[in-house]
C-alpha atoms as a PDB file:
ATOM      1  CA  MET A   1       0.000   0.000   0.000  1.00  0.00           C
ATOM      2  CA  PHE A   2       2.855   2.385   0.853  1.00  0.00           C
ATOM      3  CA  ARG A   3       4.596   1.689  -2.474  1.00  0.00           C
ATOM      4  CA  ARG A   4       1.367   2.410  -4.344  1.00  0.00           C
ATOM      5  CA  ALA A   5       0.939   5.674  -2.446  1.00  0.00           C
ATOM      6  CA  VAL A   6       4.493   6.748  -3.319  1.00  0.00           C
ATOM      7  CA  THR A   7       4.081   5.957  -7.025  1.00  0.00           C
ATOM      8  CA  ARG A   8       0.887   7.978  -7.112  1.00  0.00           C
ATOM      9  CA  ILE A   9       2.520  10.957  -5.442  1.00  0.00           C
ATOM     10  CA  LEU A  10       5.376  10.788  -7.953  1.00  0.00           C
ATOM     11  CA  GLY A  11       2.935  10.310 -10.831  1.00  0.00           C
ATOM     12  CA  ILE A  12       4.457   7.046 -12.054  1.00  0.00           C
ATOM     13  CA  GLY A  13       3.276   3.494 -12.484  1.00  0.00           C
ATOM     14  CA  GLY A  14      -0.227   4.063 -13.830  1.00  0.00           C
ATOM     15  CA  ARG A  15      -1.407   2.657 -17.144  1.00  0.00           C
ATOM     16  CA  GLN A  16      -4.694   2.470 -19.005  1.00  0.00           C
ATOM     17  CA  LEU A  17      -6.598  -0.800 -18.898  1.00  0.00           C
ATOM     18  CA  LYS A  18      -7.722  -2.241 -22.204  1.00  0.00           C
ATOM     19  CA  VAL A  19     -11.488  -2.644 -22.108  1.00  0.00           C
ATOM     20  CA  SER A  20     -13.769  -5.018 -23.996  1.00  0.00           C
ATOM     21  CA  PRO A  21     -17.361  -6.299 -23.869  1.00  0.00           C
ATOM     22  CA  ASN A  22     -16.187  -8.509 -20.996  1.00  0.00           C
ATOM     23  CA  ASN A  23     -15.866  -5.414 -18.821  1.00  0.00           C
ATOM     24  CA  VAL A  24     -19.153  -4.638 -17.055  1.00  0.00           C
ATOM     25  CA  VAL A  25     -19.879  -1.190 -15.662  1.00  0.00           C
ATOM     26  CA  LEU A  26     -23.003  -0.306 -13.687  1.00  0.00           C
ATOM     27  CA  ILE A  27     -24.067   3.359 -13.827  1.00  0.00           C
ATOM     28  CA  THR A  28     -26.959   4.876 -11.867  1.00  0.00           C
ATOM     29  CA  GLY A  29     -29.142   7.811 -12.878  1.00  0.00           C
ATOM     30  CA  CYS A  30     -29.029   7.142 -16.621  1.00  0.00           C
ATOM     31  CA  ASP A  31     -32.392   8.654 -17.611  1.00  0.00           C
ATOM     32  CA  SER A  32     -30.733  11.932 -18.652  1.00  0.00           C
ATOM     33  CA  GLY A  33     -27.833  14.283 -18.019  1.00  0.00           C
ATOM     34  CA  LEU A  34     -24.455  12.953 -16.972  1.00  0.00           C
ATOM     35  CA  GLY A  35     -25.610   9.371 -16.351  1.00  0.00           C
ATOM     36  CA  PHE A  36     -27.113   9.100 -19.826  1.00  0.00           C
ATOM     37  CA  SER A  37     -23.919  10.491 -21.364  1.00  0.00           C
ATOM     38  CA  LEU A  38     -21.645   8.185 -19.359  1.00  0.00           C
ATOM     39  CA  ALA A  39     -23.729   5.159 -20.338  1.00  0.00           C
ATOM     40  CA  LEU A  40     -23.368   6.039 -24.026  1.00  0.00           C
ATOM     41  CA  TYR A  41     -19.662   6.770 -23.574  1.00  0.00           C
ATOM     42  CA  CYS A  42     -18.900   3.458 -21.860  1.00  0.00           C
ATOM     43  CA  HIS A  43     -20.889   1.696 -24.588  1.00  0.00           C
ATOM     44  CA  SER A  44     -18.748   3.496 -27.189  1.00  0.00           C
ATOM     45  CA  LEU A  45     -15.648   2.160 -25.389  1.00  0.00           C
ATOM     46  CA  ASN A  46     -16.975  -1.348 -26.204  1.00  0.00           C
ATOM     47  CA  MET A  47     -17.900  -2.116 -22.576  1.00  0.00           C
ATOM     48  CA  THR A  48     -21.045  -3.871 -21.369  1.00  0.00           C
ATOM     49  CA  VAL A  49     -23.164  -1.268 -19.582  1.00  0.00           C
ATOM     50  CA  ILE A  50     -25.893  -1.774 -17.019  1.00  0.00           C
ATOM     51  CA  SER A  51     -27.716   1.538 -17.189  1.00  0.00           C
ATOM     52  CA  ALA A  52     -29.841   1.932 -14.073  1.00  0.00           C
ATOM     53  CA  CYS A  53     -32.693   4.362 -14.745  1.00  0.00           C
ATOM     54  CA  HIS A  54     -35.221   5.787 -12.327  1.00  0.00           C
ATOM     55  CA  ASN A  55     -37.913   5.067 -14.917  1.00  0.00           C
ATOM     56  CA  VAL A  56     -37.330   2.428 -17.593  1.00  0.00           C
ATOM     57  CA  ASN A  57     -40.087   4.050 -19.662  1.00  0.00           C
ATOM     58  CA  SER A  58     -38.393   7.470 -19.755  1.00  0.00           C
ATOM     59  CA  ASP A  59     -37.251   8.834 -23.090  1.00  0.00           C
ATOM     60  CA  GLY A  60     -33.598   8.431 -22.088  1.00  0.00           C
ATOM     61  CA  ALA A  61     -34.076   4.813 -21.008  1.00  0.00           C
ATOM     62  CA  LYS A  62     -35.843   3.986 -24.277  1.00  0.00           C
ATOM     63  CA  MET A  63     -33.038   5.583 -26.286  1.00  0.00           C
ATOM     64  CA  LEU A  64     -30.512   3.404 -24.458  1.00  0.00           C
ATOM     65  CA  GLN A  65     -32.669   0.313 -24.985  1.00  0.00           C
ATOM     66  CA  HIS A  66     -32.802   0.873 -28.749  1.00  0.00           C
ATOM     67  CA  LEU A  67     -29.058   1.068 -29.404  1.00  0.00           C
ATOM     68  CA  ASN A  68     -27.698  -1.088 -32.209  1.00  0.00           C
ATOM     69  CA  ASP A  69     -26.038  -3.497 -29.780  1.00  0.00           C
ATOM     70  CA  PRO A  70     -28.597  -4.171 -27.013  1.00  0.00           C
ATOM     71  CA  LYS A  71     -26.527  -7.049 -25.604  1.00  0.00           C
ATOM     72  CA  ARG A  72     -24.006  -4.518 -24.338  1.00  0.00           C
ATOM     73  CA  MET A  73     -26.588  -2.024 -23.051  1.00  0.00           C
ATOM     74  CA  ILE A  74     -28.766  -3.532 -20.349  1.00  0.00           C
ATOM     75  CA  THR A  75     -31.327  -1.078 -18.949  1.00  0.00           C
ATOM     76  CA  ILE A  76     -32.874  -1.737 -15.555  1.00  0.00           C
ATOM     77  CA  GLU A  77     -35.047   0.229 -13.139  1.00  0.00           C
ATOM     78  CA  LEU A  78     -33.456   1.552  -9.967  1.00  0.00           C
ATOM     79  CA  ASP A  79     -35.090   3.885  -7.461  1.00  0.00           C
ATOM     80  CA  LEU A  80     -32.741   4.466  -4.540  1.00  0.00           C
ATOM     81  CA  LEU A  81     -35.755   5.125  -2.314  1.00  0.00           C
ATOM     82  CA  LYS A  82     -37.096   1.620  -2.998  1.00  0.00           C
ATOM     83  CA  PRO A  83     -35.010  -1.155  -1.375  1.00  0.00           C
ATOM     84  CA  GLU A  84     -36.551  -3.827  -3.608  1.00  0.00           C
ATOM     85  CA  THR A  85     -35.096  -2.190  -6.732  1.00  0.00           C
ATOM     86  CA  ILE A  86     -31.674  -2.130  -5.070  1.00  0.00           C
ATOM     87  CA  THR A  87     -32.000  -5.868  -4.402  1.00  0.00           C
ATOM     88  CA  ASN A  88     -33.127  -6.423  -8.005  1.00  0.00           C
ATOM     89  CA  THR A  89     -30.108  -4.484  -9.286  1.00  0.00           C
ATOM     90  CA  GLN A  90     -27.772  -6.696  -7.281  1.00  0.00           C
ATOM     91  CA  GLN A  91     -29.476  -9.820  -8.611  1.00  0.00           C
ATOM     92  CA  CYS A  92     -29.318  -8.569 -12.203  1.00  0.00           C
ATOM     93  CA  LEU A  93     -25.598  -7.934 -11.930  1.00  0.00           C
ATOM     94  CA  ARG A  94     -24.997 -11.284 -10.239  1.00  0.00           C
ATOM     95  CA  ASP A  95     -26.962 -13.128 -12.955  1.00  0.00           C
ATOM     96  CA  ILE A  96     -24.973 -11.455 -15.729  1.00  0.00           C
ATOM     97  CA  LEU A  97     -21.655 -12.339 -14.110  1.00  0.00           C
ATOM     98  CA  THR A  98     -22.812 -15.911 -13.394  1.00  0.00           C
ATOM     99  CA  ASN A  99     -24.075 -16.506 -16.934  1.00  0.00           C
ATOM    100  CA  HIS A 100     -20.874 -15.150 -18.472  1.00  0.00           C
ATOM    101  CA  ASN A 101     -17.881 -16.579 -16.653  1.00  0.00           C
ATOM    102  CA  ASP A 102     -15.486 -14.425 -18.664  1.00  0.00           C
ATOM    103  CA  TYR A 103     -17.201 -11.160 -17.655  1.00  0.00           C
ATOM    104  CA  GLN A 104     -15.452  -8.866 -15.197  1.00  0.00           C
ATOM    105  CA  PHE A 105     -17.312  -6.390 -13.003  1.00  0.00           C
ATOM    106  CA  THR A 106     -15.157  -3.323 -13.668  1.00  0.00           C
ATOM    107  CA  ALA A 107     -16.871  -0.363 -12.016  1.00  0.00           C
ATOM    108  CA  LEU A 108     -19.843   0.880 -10.053  1.00  0.00           C
ATOM    109  CA  VAL A 109     -20.577   4.507 -10.957  1.00  0.00           C
ATOM    110  CA  ASN A 110     -22.816   6.102  -8.321  1.00  0.00           C
ATOM    111  CA  ASN A 111     -24.238   9.026 -10.267  1.00  0.00           C
ATOM    112  CA  ALA A 112     -27.950   9.198  -9.363  1.00  0.00           C
ATOM    113  CA  GLY A 113     -28.953  12.279  -7.397  1.00  0.00           C
ATOM    114  CA  VAL A 114     -31.701  14.793  -6.697  1.00  0.00           C
ATOM    115  CA  MET A 115     -31.581  18.513  -5.912  1.00  0.00           C
ATOM    116  CA  CYS A 116     -33.968  21.115  -4.582  1.00  0.00           C
ATOM    117  CA  PHE A 117     -33.222  24.855  -4.472  1.00  0.00           C
ATOM    118  CA  GLY A 118     -34.552  26.888  -1.579  1.00  0.00           C
ATOM    119  CA  GLU A 119     -33.512  28.298   1.757  1.00  0.00           C
ATOM    120  CA  PHE A 120     -33.432  25.790   4.598  1.00  0.00           C
ATOM    121  CA  GLU A 121     -36.531  27.208   6.299  1.00  0.00           C
ATOM    122  CA  TRP A 122     -38.478  26.909   3.050  1.00  0.00           C
ATOM    123  CA  GLN A 123     -37.791  23.276   2.329  1.00  0.00           C
ATOM    124  CA  THR A 124     -40.230  20.719   3.694  1.00  0.00           C
ATOM    125  CA  TRP A 125     -39.024  17.707   5.646  1.00  0.00           C
ATOM    126  CA  SER A 126     -39.995  15.486   2.730  1.00  0.00           C
ATOM    127  CA  GLN A 127     -37.731  17.511   0.417  1.00  0.00           C
ATOM    128  CA  ILE A 128     -34.855  17.513   2.902  1.00  0.00           C
ATOM    129  CA  GLU A 129     -35.128  13.797   3.574  1.00  0.00           C
ATOM    130  CA  MET A 130     -35.444  13.008  -0.148  1.00  0.00           C
ATOM    131  CA  GLN A 131     -32.065  14.614  -0.898  1.00  0.00           C
ATOM    132  CA  ILE A 132     -30.340  12.915   2.037  1.00  0.00           C
ATOM    133  CA  ASN A 133     -31.991   9.550   1.346  1.00  0.00           C
ATOM    134  CA  VAL A 134     -31.198   9.507  -2.384  1.00  0.00           C
ATOM    135  CA  ASN A 135     -27.843  11.247  -2.627  1.00  0.00           C
ATOM    136  CA  LEU A 136     -26.216   9.798   0.484  1.00  0.00           C
ATOM    137  CA  LEU A 137     -28.108   6.920   2.086  1.00  0.00           C
ATOM    138  CA  GLY A 138     -29.376   5.476  -1.206  1.00  0.00           C
ATOM    139  CA  THR A 139     -25.859   5.457  -2.627  1.00  0.00           C
ATOM    140  CA  MET A 140     -24.609   3.780   0.546  1.00  0.00           C
ATOM    141  CA  ARG A 141     -27.364   1.135   0.406  1.00  0.00           C
ATOM    142  CA  LEU A 142     -26.653   0.222  -3.201  1.00  0.00           C
ATOM    143  CA  THR A 143     -22.885   0.109  -2.664  1.00  0.00           C
ATOM    144  CA  ARG A 144     -23.252  -2.055   0.442  1.00  0.00           C
ATOM    145  CA  GLU A 145     -25.536  -4.451  -1.443  1.00  0.00           C
ATOM    146  CA  LEU A 146     -22.957  -4.789  -4.229  1.00  0.00           C
ATOM    147  CA  MET A 147     -19.882  -4.916  -1.992  1.00  0.00           C
ATOM    148  CA  PRO A 148     -19.318  -8.713  -2.169  1.00  0.00           C
ATOM    149  CA  LEU A 149     -19.252  -8.524  -5.977  1.00  0.00           C
ATOM    150  CA  VAL A 150     -17.059  -5.421  -5.847  1.00  0.00           C
ATOM    151  CA  ARG A 151     -14.508  -7.285  -3.685  1.00  0.00           C
ATOM    152  CA  GLN A 152     -14.647 -10.495  -5.710  1.00  0.00           C
ATOM    153  CA  HIS A 153     -13.982  -8.696  -8.995  1.00  0.00           C
ATOM    154  CA  GLN A 154     -11.907  -5.858  -7.532  1.00  0.00           C
ATOM    155  CA  ALA A 155     -14.246  -3.453  -9.279  1.00  0.00           C
ATOM    156  CA  ARG A 156     -13.708   0.212  -8.621  1.00  0.00           C
ATOM    157  CA  ILE A 157     -16.268   2.554  -7.120  1.00  0.00           C
ATOM    158  CA  ILE A 158     -16.680   5.990  -8.706  1.00  0.00           C
ATOM    159  CA  ASN A 159     -18.849   8.327  -6.663  1.00  0.00           C
ATOM    160  CA  VAL A 160     -20.105  11.418  -8.472  1.00  0.00           C
ATOM    161  CA  THR A 161     -20.161  14.217  -5.910  1.00  0.00           C
ATOM    162  CA  SER A 162     -20.353  17.979  -6.355  1.00  0.00           C
ATOM    163  CA  HIS A 163     -18.635  21.306  -5.861  1.00  0.00           C
ATOM    164  CA  CYS A 164     -21.285  21.786  -3.168  1.00  0.00           C
ATOM    165  CA  GLY A 165     -19.446  19.076  -1.244  1.00  0.00           C
ATOM    166  CA  LEU A 166     -16.315  21.224  -1.319  1.00  0.00           C
ATOM    167  CA  GLN A 167     -17.948  24.588  -0.593  1.00  0.00           C
ATOM    168  CA  ALA A 168     -21.509  24.882   0.681  1.00  0.00           C
ATOM    169  CA  LEU A 169     -23.599  27.461  -1.163  1.00  0.00           C
ATOM    170  CA  PRO A 170     -26.741  29.317  -0.088  1.00  0.00           C
ATOM    171  CA  SER A 171     -30.142  27.816  -0.953  1.00  0.00           C
ATOM    172  CA  THR A 172     -28.669  24.319  -1.324  1.00  0.00           C
ATOM    173  CA  SER A 173     -28.015  23.358   2.305  1.00  0.00           C
ATOM    174  CA  PRO A 174     -29.661  19.862   2.347  1.00  0.00           C
ATOM    175  CA  TYR A 175     -28.119  19.045  -1.051  1.00  0.00           C
ATOM    176  CA  ALA A 176     -24.707  20.320   0.098  1.00  0.00           C
ATOM    177  CA  ALA A 177     -24.999  18.284   3.300  1.00  0.00           C
ATOM    178  CA  SER A 178     -25.734  15.133   1.293  1.00  0.00           C
ATOM    179  CA  LYS A 179     -22.832  15.717  -1.101  1.00  0.00           C
ATOM    180  CA  ALA A 180     -20.398  16.622   1.676  1.00  0.00           C
ATOM    181  CA  GLY A 181     -21.399  13.436   3.460  1.00  0.00           C
ATOM    182  CA  LEU A 182     -20.890  11.507   0.227  1.00  0.00           C
ATOM    183  CA  ARG A 183     -17.478  13.106  -0.194  1.00  0.00           C
ATOM    184  CA  PHE A 184     -16.190  12.103   3.254  1.00  0.00           C
ATOM    185  CA  TRP A 185     -17.761   8.651   3.049  1.00  0.00           C
ATOM    186  CA  THR A 186     -15.891   8.218  -0.246  1.00  0.00           C
ATOM    187  CA  ASP A 187     -12.596   9.204   1.404  1.00  0.00           C
ATOM    188  CA  SER A 188     -13.095   6.757   4.251  1.00  0.00           C
ATOM    189  CA  LEU A 189     -14.212   3.980   1.906  1.00  0.00           C
ATOM    190  CA  ARG A 190     -11.158   4.540  -0.301  1.00  0.00           C
ATOM    191  CA  ILE A 191      -8.827   3.839   2.627  1.00  0.00           C
ATOM    192  CA  GLU A 192     -10.786   0.773   3.749  1.00  0.00           C
ATOM    193  CA  MET A 193     -11.038  -0.814   0.310  1.00  0.00           C
ATOM    194  CA  GLN A 194      -7.348  -0.492  -0.562  1.00  0.00           C
ATOM    195  CA  SER A 195      -6.708  -3.651   1.433  1.00  0.00           C
ATOM    196  CA  TYR A 196      -8.913  -5.580  -0.997  1.00  0.00           C
ATOM    197  CA  GLY A 197      -7.466  -4.123  -4.189  1.00  0.00           C
ATOM    198  CA  VAL A 198     -10.513  -1.929  -4.775  1.00  0.00           C
ATOM    199  CA  GLU A 199     -10.094   1.663  -5.956  1.00  0.00           C
ATOM    200  CA  VAL A 200     -12.573   4.308  -4.798  1.00  0.00           C
ATOM    201  CA  VAL A 201     -12.723   7.604  -6.700  1.00  0.00           C
ATOM    202  CA  ASN A 202     -14.410  10.939  -6.023  1.00  0.00           C
ATOM    203  CA  PHE A 203     -15.521  12.430  -9.358  1.00  0.00           C
ATOM    204  CA  ILE A 204     -16.733  16.059  -9.437  1.00  0.00           C
ATOM    205  CA  PRO A 205     -18.045  16.837 -12.937  1.00  0.00           C
ATOM    206  CA  GLY A 206     -18.803  20.552 -12.575  1.00  0.00           C
ATOM    207  CA  SER A 207     -22.123  22.275 -13.080  1.00  0.00           C
ATOM    208  CA  PHE A 208     -24.326  21.300 -16.011  1.00  0.00           C
ATOM    209  CA  VAL A 209     -27.720  22.000 -14.470  1.00  0.00           C
ATOM    210  CA  MET A 210     -28.898  23.519 -17.775  1.00  0.00           C
ATOM    211  CA  SER A 211     -28.482  20.172 -19.566  1.00  0.00           C
ATOM    212  CA  SER A 212     -29.637  17.967 -16.697  1.00  0.00           C
ATOM    213  CA  ASN A 213     -33.015  17.109 -15.201  1.00  0.00           C
ATOM    214  CA  ILE A 214     -31.747  17.189 -11.616  1.00  0.00           C
ATOM    215  CA  SER A 215     -33.787  20.367 -11.020  1.00  0.00           C
ATOM    216  CA  ALA A 216     -36.604  19.679 -13.477  1.00  0.00           C
ATOM    217  CA  ARG A 217     -39.223  19.686 -10.697  1.00  0.00           C
ATOM    218  CA  GLN A 218     -38.065  22.950  -9.110  1.00  0.00           C
ATOM    219  CA  GLN A 219     -41.368  24.762  -9.660  1.00  0.00           C
ATOM    220  CA  ASP A 220     -43.274  21.822  -8.176  1.00  0.00           C
ATOM    221  CA  HIS A 221     -40.950  21.972  -5.178  1.00  0.00           C
ATOM    222  CA  ALA A 222     -41.565  25.718  -4.889  1.00  0.00           C
ATOM    223  CA  LYS A 223     -45.346  25.219  -4.808  1.00  0.00           C
ATOM    224  CA  LEU A 224     -44.988  22.607  -2.085  1.00  0.00           C
ATOM    225  CA  MET A 225     -42.784  24.945  -0.050  1.00  0.00           C
ATOM    226  CA  PHE A 226     -45.198  27.851  -0.335  1.00  0.00           C
ATOM    227  CA  ASN A 227     -48.207  25.678   0.492  1.00  0.00           C
ATOM    228  CA  ASN A 228     -46.462  24.632   3.702  1.00  0.00           C
ATOM    229  CA  PHE A 229     -45.642  28.208   4.769  1.00  0.00           C
ATOM    230  CA  ASN A 230     -47.599  29.615   7.672  1.00  0.00           C
ATOM    231  CA  ARG A 231     -49.129  33.089   7.465  1.00  0.00           C
ATOM    232  CA  GLU A 232     -46.071  34.815   8.937  1.00  0.00           C
ATOM    233  CA  GLN A 233     -43.717  33.104   6.473  1.00  0.00           C
ATOM    234  CA  ARG A 234     -45.903  33.990   3.491  1.00  0.00           C
ATOM    235  CA  GLU A 235     -45.951  37.641   4.498  1.00  0.00           C
ATOM    236  CA  PHE A 236     -42.252  37.773   5.326  1.00  0.00           C
ATOM    237  CA  TYR A 237     -40.890  35.885   2.301  1.00  0.00           C
ATOM    238  CA  GLY A 238     -43.668  36.624  -0.232  1.00  0.00           C
ATOM    239  CA  THR A 239     -41.997  38.937  -2.795  1.00  0.00           C
ATOM    240  CA  TYR A 240     -38.535  37.476  -2.280  1.00  0.00           C
ATOM    241  CA  PHE A 241     -39.812  33.892  -2.602  1.00  0.00           C
ATOM    242  CA  LYS A 242     -41.563  34.713  -5.875  1.00  0.00           C
ATOM    243  CA  ARG A 243     -38.536  36.505  -7.355  1.00  0.00           C
ATOM    244  CA  PHE A 244     -36.265  33.650  -6.303  1.00  0.00           C
ATOM    245  CA  ASN A 245     -38.341  30.964  -8.010  1.00  0.00           C
ATOM    246  CA  ASP A 246     -39.145  33.080 -11.067  1.00  0.00           C
ATOM    247  CA  TYR A 247     -35.379  33.297 -11.564  1.00  0.00           C
ATOM    248  CA  LEU A 248     -35.157  29.485 -11.430  1.00  0.00           C
ATOM    249  CA  ASN A 249     -37.759  29.008 -14.175  1.00  0.00           C
ATOM    250  CA  ILE A 250     -34.882  28.645 -16.604  1.00  0.00           C
ATOM    251  CA  ILE A 251     -33.763  25.345 -15.058  1.00  0.00           C
ATOM    252  CA  SER A 252     -37.245  23.929 -14.477  1.00  0.00           C
ATOM    253  CA  GLY A 253     -38.974  21.469 -16.759  1.00  0.00           C
ATOM    254  CA  PHE A 254     -37.746  18.199 -18.231  1.00  0.00           C
ATOM    255  CA  LYS A 255     -35.129  18.377 -20.953  1.00  0.00           C
ATOM    256  CA  PRO A 256     -34.527  15.728 -23.621  1.00  0.00           C
ATOM    257  CA  ALA A 257     -31.787  13.194 -22.978  1.00  0.00           C
ATOM    258  CA  ASN A 258     -28.808  14.372 -24.990  1.00  0.00           C
ATOM    259  CA  SER A 259     -25.237  13.165 -25.010  1.00  0.00           C
ATOM    260  CA  MET A 260     -22.753  15.713 -23.696  1.00  0.00           C
ATOM    261  CA  ASN A 261     -19.928  16.646 -26.033  1.00  0.00           C
ATOM    262  CA  ASP A 262     -17.491  17.750 -23.336  1.00  0.00           C
ATOM    263  CA  THR A 263     -14.438  15.782 -24.412  1.00  0.00           C
ATOM    264  CA  LYS A 264     -12.303  16.901 -21.457  1.00  0.00           C
ATOM    265  CA  LEU A 265     -14.940  15.691 -19.017  1.00  0.00           C
ATOM    266  CA  LEU A 266     -15.128  12.320 -20.754  1.00  0.00           C
ATOM    267  CA  GLU A 267     -11.326  12.023 -20.847  1.00  0.00           C
ATOM    268  CA  LYS A 268     -11.164  12.556 -17.086  1.00  0.00           C
ATOM    269  CA  PHE A 269     -13.906  10.016 -16.554  1.00  0.00           C
ATOM    270  CA  LYS A 270     -12.069   7.494 -18.735  1.00  0.00           C
ATOM    271  CA  ASP A 271      -8.941   7.965 -16.644  1.00  0.00           C
ATOM    272  CA  ALA A 272     -10.952   7.475 -13.453  1.00  0.00           C
ATOM    273  CA  LEU A 273     -12.463   4.349 -14.994  1.00  0.00           C
ATOM    274  CA  THR A 274      -9.465   2.691 -16.634  1.00  0.00           C
ATOM    275  CA  ASN A 275      -6.252   3.981 -15.043  1.00  0.00           C
ATOM    276  CA  THR A 276      -4.660   1.242 -12.957  1.00  0.00           C
ATOM    277  CA  GLN A 277      -3.769   3.901 -10.381  1.00  0.00           C
ATOM    278  CA  PRO A 278      -6.523   6.494 -10.569  1.00  0.00           C
ATOM    279  CA  LYS A 279      -6.488   9.749  -8.653  1.00  0.00           C
ATOM    280  CA  ALA A 280      -8.485   9.957  -5.459  1.00  0.00           C
ATOM    281  CA  LEU A 281     -10.223  13.088  -6.740  1.00  0.00           C
ATOM    282  CA  TYR A 282     -11.091  14.273 -10.240  1.00  0.00           C
ATOM    283  CA  ILE A 283     -12.490  17.775 -10.671  1.00  0.00           C
ATOM    284  CA  HIS A 284     -13.833  19.086 -13.953  1.00  0.00           C
ATOM    285  CA  GLU A 285     -14.666  22.774 -13.899  1.00  0.00           C
ATOM    286  CA  PRO A 286     -14.522  26.003 -15.926  1.00  0.00           C
ATOM    287  CA  TRP A 287     -11.994  28.705 -15.033  1.00  0.00           C
ATOM    288  CA  ARG A 288     -14.669  30.640 -13.145  1.00  0.00           C
ATOM    289  CA  TYR A 289     -15.039  27.716 -10.763  1.00  0.00           C
ATOM    290  CA  LYS A 290     -11.265  27.375 -10.358  1.00  0.00           C
ATOM    291  CA  ILE A 291     -10.901  31.033  -9.413  1.00  0.00           C
ATOM    292  CA  TYR A 292     -13.767  30.948  -6.927  1.00  0.00           C
ATOM    293  CA  ARG A 293     -12.532  27.688  -5.403  1.00  0.00           C
ATOM    294  CA  LEU A 294      -9.097  29.236  -4.875  1.00  0.00           C
ATOM    295  CA  LEU A 295     -10.613  32.314  -3.266  1.00  0.00           C
ATOM    296  CA  PHE A 296     -12.840  30.170  -1.042  1.00  0.00           C
ATOM    297  CA  SER A 297      -9.754  28.371   0.258  1.00  0.00           C
ATOM    298  CA  ILE A 298      -7.760  31.472   1.212  1.00  0.00           C
ATOM    299  CA  CYS A 299     -10.330  34.109   2.228  1.00  0.00           C
ATOM    300  CA  PRO A 300     -11.800  34.695   5.697  1.00  0.00           C
ATOM    301  CA  ALA A 301     -15.367  33.552   6.340  1.00  0.00           C
ATOM    302  CA  PRO A 302     -17.108  36.936   5.818  1.00  0.00           C
ATOM    303  CA  LEU A 303     -15.485  37.313   2.405  1.00  0.00           C
ATOM    304  CA  VAL A 304     -16.257  33.687   1.516  1.00  0.00           C
ATOM    305  CA  ASP A 305     -19.909  34.350   2.369  1.00  0.00           C
ATOM    306  CA  TRP A 306     -19.962  37.386   0.062  1.00  0.00           C
ATOM    307  CA  LEU A 307     -18.204  35.460  -2.710  1.00  0.00           C
ATOM    308  CA  SER A 308     -20.684  32.587  -2.369  1.00  0.00           C
ATOM    309  CA  ILE A 309     -23.588  34.958  -3.002  1.00  0.00           C
ATOM    310  CA  LYS A 310     -21.792  36.405  -6.040  1.00  0.00           C
ATOM    311  CA  PHE A 311     -20.985  32.916  -7.296  1.00  0.00           C
ATOM    312  CA  CYS A 312     -24.622  31.783  -7.137  1.00  0.00           C
ATOM    313  CA  ALA A 313     -25.856  35.042  -8.707  1.00  0.00           C
ATOM    314  CA  MET A 314     -29.440  34.459  -7.545  1.00  0.00           C
ATOM    315  CA  PRO A 315     -31.864  36.998  -6.054  1.00  0.00           C
ATOM    316  CA  THR A 316     -31.311  37.701  -2.356  1.00  0.00           C
ATOM    317  CA  TYR A 317     -33.650  38.970   0.332  1.00  0.00           C
ATOM    318  CA  GLN A 318     -31.662  42.190   0.692  1.00  0.00           C
ATOM    319  CA  GLN A 319     -31.795  42.930  -3.030  1.00  0.00           C
ATOM    320  CA  VAL A 320     -35.549  42.478  -3.207  1.00  0.00           C
ATOM    321  CA  GLN A 321     -36.106  44.579  -0.093  1.00  0.00           C
ATOM    322  CA  GLN A 322     -33.986  47.418  -1.456  1.00  0.00           C
ATOM    323  CA  GLU A 323     -35.871  47.379  -4.770  1.00  0.00           C
ATOM    324  CA  SER A 324     -39.212  47.332  -2.951  1.00  0.00           C
ATOM    325  CA  ASN A 325     -38.203  50.406  -0.958  1.00  0.00           C
END
């Protein structure tokens, strides 16, 4: 283990694995967005892909099902809030590996996630628990269910986290809590699994909310929040709440499943997937994110708070109050 750590620090010893249809990768959250793109990408690498979709009748799932080589694209239903679908996913993977003795379970890519924008006081307990249960506990449940197969095949675990797990931002506190928890669980799991020859990777893909459906139900969430406000909250937050959610109209609504053409993102994912000595952390981000992340790391808390508001660029209570006056 020490030798491997030294070679990684020095940047030597790693090589790219050659992949084939015998390599099986299981990816969650493949209905749209990043999961859909990663499923297509792994299929293009000639791997066998188990694309776990929240709804097997979604447009994205149907597109994956109708690829030219269906034997290498197996679409299943997985809802991380439903334990029976987690059990079914484990059984599906086990059956595939049992029926094909030459198949190798190569990677579990934990990508599925949900997000809800809104200040902490606004969000209902159902919305808070949904984000924790899907993003953190659901990922843990699935990984634990698959752990015997992961150990047997020395498959790697790639957990898709978020910049919100590095720096919490306003109006995303439950989501940030779930991703920060996922980040530190990943770090701990990486150390534990080294003894069994299993690599665990933290993959932060950057923001692509405009091409993802992670916030497609934002306006539905907003209605639920407002309906659960008491009279005092409606009077206090009224104008600000409306301005805030009107601003988020741009990210609401379901978008078609399209493959992302970000070659640098896919190159980093391929390295995380196939490098014999992958990095512990991969971050893909535009320069704006790099600059802010640097400033977050060196500035005092009051300045970080101000920078966080500028980074999010969403309406604030103070702004709305000043305009109203």
